[in-house]
Amino acid sequence: MKGLWCLTRHSWRMLMLSPLAWSLMAIWLALGGYMFVGALLNYKQALLQYSAYGVQQLPLSDFVMLPLLSNVAVLLLLIMPVLTMGTLAGEKRAGSWPALATSAITPGAIVLGKFFGLLLFLWLLLGLLVLLPLSLLPFARLDWGQVAAGMLGLGLLSSAFCALGIATSAHTDNPAMAALFAFALLLLLWIIGWMAGSAEAGWQQLLLHLSLMNRLQNFLEGTLRLWDLLYLLGLSGFALYLATLRLHLQRVWGG
């Protein structure tokens, strides 16, 4: 446990000292603010249109928070390969992997240390998003249950993205290739449900179950389902297991 804590703290510290992390944070806040203002303008336009039918209020959570969090999920999809590409592949490229591999720290602790360090940073980014809906409190009411469910879904989704990115980084010593493979894998799991409409009944259900987009949509609508929680947690655990297995084999065979 001590080795895991040290690695987590080291990963977090190295990430927070890197220009990449602060650049991504600035881009994240700028794009998040832009998408939030855009959602508010769309809400105002919709309210003007519905006012002709006597409607005075629309659900702010559905018109503002749901599209905002949906766009944030796409943003996570884009930045995650950049954040995870150097977690393990960067160690190998920099030549620091042999020292880490021959240390007393287990492969599982190495993977989890990288994972938790990066996940803390991602949850910090998501936490900053909460400041946006808080700015609406003096003027409107939000469905905070739906907002909480949406944030939980994004937190679990970021965990799955992070674990899959680390798994791809563990299987190569080239950070650029790790980023490319991670993006391809995440994109496939994101859009795989699109093929369900033209698939046979059995395959249709499988594709919909595998789709990360469909899983997140349930959270954004304020619906908590056990299978959605188990799928995202199981996907994270399986990806971390693959990364740990790869490091173990490299330690044993030196490959």
Protein backbone atom coordinates (compact mmCIF):
# COMPACT_ATOMS: atom_id res chain seq x y z
CA MET A 1 0.00 0.00 0.00
CA LYS A 2 2.86 2.36 0.73
CA GLY A 3 4.31 1.81 -2.75
CA LEU A 4 0.90 2.41 -4.32
CA TRP A 5 0.43 5.64 -2.39
CA CYS A 6 3.91 6.87 -3.34
CA LEU A 7 3.32 6.12 -7.01
CA THR A 8 -0.10 7.79 -6.96
CA ARG A 9 1.34 10.89 -5.33
CA HIS A 10 4.29 10.90 -7.73
CA SER A 11 2.04 10.50 -10.79
CA TRP A 12 -0.24 13.30 -9.56
CA ARG A 13 2.71 15.58 -8.81
CA MET A 14 4.40 14.98 -12.16
CA LEU A 15 1.14 15.58 -13.98
CA MET A 16 0.41 18.83 -12.15
CA LEU A 17 3.93 20.08 -12.86
CA SER A 18 3.68 19.40 -16.58
CA PRO A 19 2.78 22.17 -19.07
CA LEU A 20 0.54 19.67 -20.86
CA ALA A 21 -1.79 19.30 -17.88
CA TRP A 22 -2.17 23.05 -17.38
CA SER A 23 -2.66 23.61 -21.10
CA LEU A 24 -5.38 20.96 -21.17
CA MET A 25 -6.99 22.48 -18.09
CA ALA A 26 -7.09 25.90 -19.74
CA ILE A 27 -8.58 24.42 -22.92
CA TRP A 28 -11.05 22.41 -20.84
CA LEU A 29 -12.30 25.47 -18.97
CA ALA A 30 -12.48 27.58 -22.12
CA LEU A 31 -14.43 24.97 -24.07
CA GLY A 32 -16.60 24.13 -21.06
CA GLY A 33 -17.50 27.79 -20.60
CA TYR A 34 -18.21 28.18 -24.30
CA MET A 35 -20.48 25.12 -24.37
CA PHE A 36 -22.27 26.30 -21.22
CA VAL A 37 -23.00 29.73 -22.66
CA GLY A 38 -24.09 28.12 -25.93
CA ALA A 39 -26.50 25.84 -24.06
CA LEU A 40 -27.93 28.84 -22.19
CA LEU A 41 -28.48 30.71 -25.47
CA ASN A 42 -30.23 27.66 -26.94
CA TYR A 43 -32.40 27.49 -23.84
CA LYS A 44 -33.35 31.15 -24.22
CA GLN A 45 -34.22 30.62 -27.88
CA ALA A 46 -36.35 27.57 -27.08
CA LEU A 47 -38.13 29.48 -24.31
CA LEU A 48 -39.00 32.27 -26.74
CA GLN A 49 -40.44 29.75 -29.18
CA TYR A 50 -42.50 27.90 -26.57
CA SER A 51 -43.76 31.15 -25.02
CA ALA A 52 -46.03 31.52 -28.03
CA TYR A 53 -47.93 28.48 -26.70
CA GLY A 54 -48.14 29.86 -23.18
CA VAL A 55 -45.13 27.97 -21.80
CA GLN A 56 -43.30 30.10 -19.23
CA GLN A 57 -40.67 27.65 -17.99
CA LEU A 58 -38.69 24.76 -19.48
CA PRO A 59 -36.65 22.14 -17.61
CA LEU A 60 -33.26 23.78 -17.33
CA SER A 61 -31.50 20.50 -16.64
CA ASP A 62 -32.70 18.97 -19.91
CA PHE A 63 -31.97 22.02 -22.03
CA VAL A 64 -28.68 23.12 -20.45
CA MET A 65 -26.99 20.47 -18.31
CA LEU A 66 -27.75 17.42 -20.45
CA PRO A 67 -26.20 18.84 -23.66
CA LEU A 68 -23.31 20.34 -21.66
CA LEU A 69 -22.40 17.04 -20.01
CA SER A 70 -22.84 15.17 -23.31
CA ASN A 71 -20.35 17.51 -24.95
CA VAL A 72 -17.98 17.16 -22.00
CA ALA A 73 -18.00 13.38 -22.54
CA VAL A 74 -16.86 13.92 -26.14
CA LEU A 75 -14.17 16.28 -24.86
CA LEU A 76 -12.96 13.55 -22.50
CA LEU A 77 -12.80 11.18 -25.44
CA LEU A 78 -10.52 13.59 -27.29
CA ILE A 79 -8.12 14.48 -24.49
CA MET A 80 -7.82 11.09 -22.81
CA PRO A 81 -5.39 9.54 -25.33
CA VAL A 82 -3.10 12.55 -24.89
CA LEU A 83 -3.14 12.21 -21.11
CA THR A 84 -2.61 8.45 -20.99
CA MET A 85 -0.14 7.95 -23.82
CA GLY A 86 2.92 8.61 -21.65
CA THR A 87 1.81 6.82 -18.48
CA LEU A 88 3.73 3.63 -19.27
CA ALA A 89 4.92 4.03 -22.84
CA GLY A 90 6.66 7.24 -21.77
CA GLU A 91 8.54 5.38 -19.04
CA LYS A 92 9.81 2.91 -21.62
CA ARG A 93 10.72 5.61 -24.12
CA ALA A 94 12.55 7.66 -21.47
CA GLY A 95 14.55 4.64 -20.32
CA SER A 96 13.23 4.72 -16.74
CA TRP A 97 11.21 1.54 -17.09
CA PRO A 98 14.05 -0.94 -16.29
CA ALA A 99 14.58 0.67 -12.88
CA LEU A 100 10.86 0.64 -12.19
CA ALA A 101 10.50 -2.94 -13.41
CA THR A 102 13.27 -4.24 -11.17
CA SER A 103 12.02 -2.41 -8.08
CA ALA A 104 10.09 -4.04 -5.25
CA ILE A 105 6.87 -2.40 -6.45
CA THR A 106 4.50 -4.91 -8.04
CA PRO A 107 3.13 -4.43 -11.58
CA GLY A 108 -0.35 -4.03 -10.10
CA ALA A 109 0.80 -1.19 -7.86
CA ILE A 110 2.54 0.49 -10.80
CA VAL A 111 -0.63 0.37 -12.91
CA LEU A 112 -2.91 1.49 -10.08
CA GLY A 113 -0.53 4.29 -9.08
CA LYS A 114 -0.60 5.67 -12.61
CA PHE A 115 -4.36 5.16 -12.79
CA PHE A 116 -5.27 6.89 -9.52
CA GLY A 117 -2.88 9.77 -10.13
CA LEU A 118 -4.44 10.48 -13.51
CA LEU A 119 -7.97 9.86 -12.29
CA LEU A 120 -7.58 12.47 -9.55
CA PHE A 121 -6.66 15.01 -12.20
CA LEU A 122 -9.66 14.06 -14.33
CA TRP A 123 -12.02 14.33 -11.40
CA LEU A 124 -10.55 17.76 -10.66
CA LEU A 125 -11.50 18.81 -14.18
CA LEU A 126 -15.00 17.43 -13.74
CA GLY A 127 -15.30 19.14 -10.36
CA LEU A 128 -14.61 22.50 -11.99
CA LEU A 129 -17.71 21.95 -14.13
CA VAL A 130 -19.90 22.07 -11.02
CA LEU A 131 -19.08 25.77 -10.76
CA LEU A 132 -21.03 26.38 -13.98
CA PRO A 133 -24.47 25.21 -12.80
CA LEU A 134 -23.87 26.83 -9.41
CA SER A 135 -23.85 30.18 -11.19
CA LEU A 136 -27.52 29.59 -12.11
CA LEU A 137 -28.76 29.17 -8.54
CA PRO A 138 -29.82 32.82 -8.03
CA PHE A 139 -31.89 32.78 -11.23
CA ALA A 140 -33.25 29.28 -11.83
CA ARG A 141 -33.82 25.84 -10.35
CA LEU A 142 -31.98 22.74 -11.47
CA ASP A 143 -32.80 19.09 -11.00
CA TRP A 144 -29.80 18.38 -8.79
CA GLY A 145 -30.57 14.67 -8.76
CA GLN A 146 -30.17 14.59 -12.53
CA VAL A 147 -27.03 16.72 -12.33
CA ALA A 148 -25.53 14.40 -9.69
CA ALA A 149 -26.37 11.32 -11.77
CA GLY A 150 -24.80 12.92 -14.83
CA MET A 151 -21.62 13.80 -12.94
CA LEU A 152 -21.45 10.26 -11.54
CA GLY A 153 -21.75 8.91 -15.07
CA LEU A 154 -18.96 11.17 -16.27
CA GLY A 155 -16.80 10.15 -13.32
CA LEU A 156 -17.23 6.45 -14.13
CA LEU A 157 -16.77 7.10 -17.84
CA SER A 158 -13.51 8.95 -17.20
CA SER A 159 -12.38 5.98 -15.10
CA ALA A 160 -13.05 3.58 -17.98
CA PHE A 161 -11.37 5.91 -20.49
CA CYS A 162 -8.34 6.26 -18.22
CA ALA A 163 -7.99 2.50 -17.67
CA LEU A 164 -8.28 1.73 -21.39
CA GLY A 165 -5.71 4.41 -22.21
CA ILE A 166 -3.26 2.99 -19.67
CA ALA A 167 -3.81 -0.51 -21.10
CA THR A 168 -2.85 0.64 -24.59
CA SER A 169 0.14 2.53 -23.17
CA ALA A 170 1.31 -0.67 -21.46
CA HIS A 171 1.42 -2.56 -24.75
CA THR A 172 3.82 -0.26 -26.61
CA ASP A 173 6.93 1.82 -26.01
CA ASN A 174 5.79 4.53 -28.44
CA PRO A 175 3.58 7.21 -26.81
CA ALA A 176 2.22 8.38 -30.18
CA MET A 177 1.12 4.85 -31.07
CA ALA A 178 -0.39 4.46 -27.60
CA ALA A 179 -2.45 7.63 -28.16
CA LEU A 180 -3.57 6.45 -31.60
CA PHE A 181 -4.62 3.01 -30.37
CA ALA A 182 -6.35 4.48 -27.32
CA PHE A 183 -8.35 6.93 -29.44
CA ALA A 184 -9.36 4.19 -31.91
CA LEU A 185 -10.48 1.89 -29.08
CA LEU A 186 -12.39 4.58 -27.20
CA LEU A 187 -14.06 5.82 -30.37
CA LEU A 188 -15.11 2.27 -31.29
CA LEU A 189 -16.71 1.70 -27.89
CA TRP A 190 -18.35 5.12 -28.14
CA ILE A 191 -20.02 4.67 -31.53
CA ILE A 192 -20.50 0.90 -31.59
CA GLY A 193 -24.19 1.34 -30.82
CA TRP A 194 -24.67 3.14 -34.15
CA MET A 195 -24.49 -0.22 -35.94
CA ALA A 196 -27.28 -1.70 -33.84
CA GLY A 197 -30.01 -0.43 -36.15
CA SER A 198 -28.83 -2.55 -39.07
CA ALA A 199 -27.79 -5.61 -37.05
CA GLU A 200 -29.76 -8.75 -36.29
CA ALA A 201 -31.75 -8.94 -33.07
CA GLY A 202 -29.13 -10.83 -31.04
CA TRP A 203 -26.24 -8.67 -32.21
CA GLN A 204 -28.33 -5.55 -31.82
CA GLN A 205 -28.69 -6.06 -28.08
CA LEU A 206 -24.98 -6.87 -27.71
CA LEU A 207 -23.91 -3.72 -29.56
CA LEU A 208 -26.23 -1.57 -27.47
CA HIS A 209 -24.91 -3.13 -24.26
CA LEU A 210 -21.31 -2.43 -25.30
CA SER A 211 -21.98 1.18 -26.27
CA LEU A 212 -20.49 3.67 -23.83
CA MET A 213 -22.68 6.39 -25.29
CA ASN A 214 -25.86 4.51 -24.38
CA ARG A 215 -24.59 3.81 -20.87
CA LEU A 216 -23.79 7.49 -20.29
CA GLN A 217 -27.15 8.60 -21.68
CA ASN A 218 -28.95 6.79 -18.88
CA PHE A 219 -26.92 8.70 -16.29
CA LEU A 220 -27.54 12.02 -18.03
CA GLU A 221 -31.26 11.41 -17.95
CA GLY A 222 -31.05 10.88 -14.19
CA THR A 223 -31.50 7.11 -14.33
CA LEU A 224 -29.17 4.95 -12.22
CA ARG A 225 -29.04 1.35 -13.40
CA LEU A 226 -27.00 -1.37 -11.76
CA TRP A 227 -25.86 -2.81 -15.08
CA ASP A 228 -24.54 0.56 -16.22
CA LEU A 229 -22.50 0.85 -13.02
CA LEU A 230 -21.21 -2.72 -13.31
CA TYR A 231 -20.32 -2.31 -16.97
CA LEU A 232 -18.25 0.82 -16.49
CA LEU A 233 -16.55 -0.50 -13.36
CA GLY A 234 -15.97 -3.89 -14.97
CA LEU A 235 -14.52 -2.31 -18.10
CA SER A 236 -12.11 -0.28 -15.96
CA GLY A 237 -11.08 -3.33 -13.96
CA PHE A 238 -10.57 -5.49 -17.05
CA ALA A 239 -8.42 -2.85 -18.76
CA LEU A 240 -6.28 -2.42 -15.64
CA TYR A 241 -5.89 -6.20 -15.42
CA LEU A 242 -4.64 -6.32 -19.03
CA ALA A 243 -2.13 -3.56 -18.30
CA THR A 244 -0.94 -5.34 -15.15
CA LEU A 245 -0.61 -8.65 -17.01
CA ARG A 246 1.45 -6.99 -19.73
CA LEU A 247 3.85 -5.44 -17.20
CA HIS A 248 4.12 -8.74 -15.35
CA LEU A 249 5.07 -10.56 -18.55
CA GLN A 250 7.61 -7.86 -19.39
CA ARG A 251 9.12 -8.19 -15.93
CA VAL A 252 9.33 -12.00 -16.23
CA TRP A 253 10.51 -12.27 -19.83
CA GLY A 254 12.17 -8.90 -20.17
CA GLY A 255 10.11 -8.16 -23.32
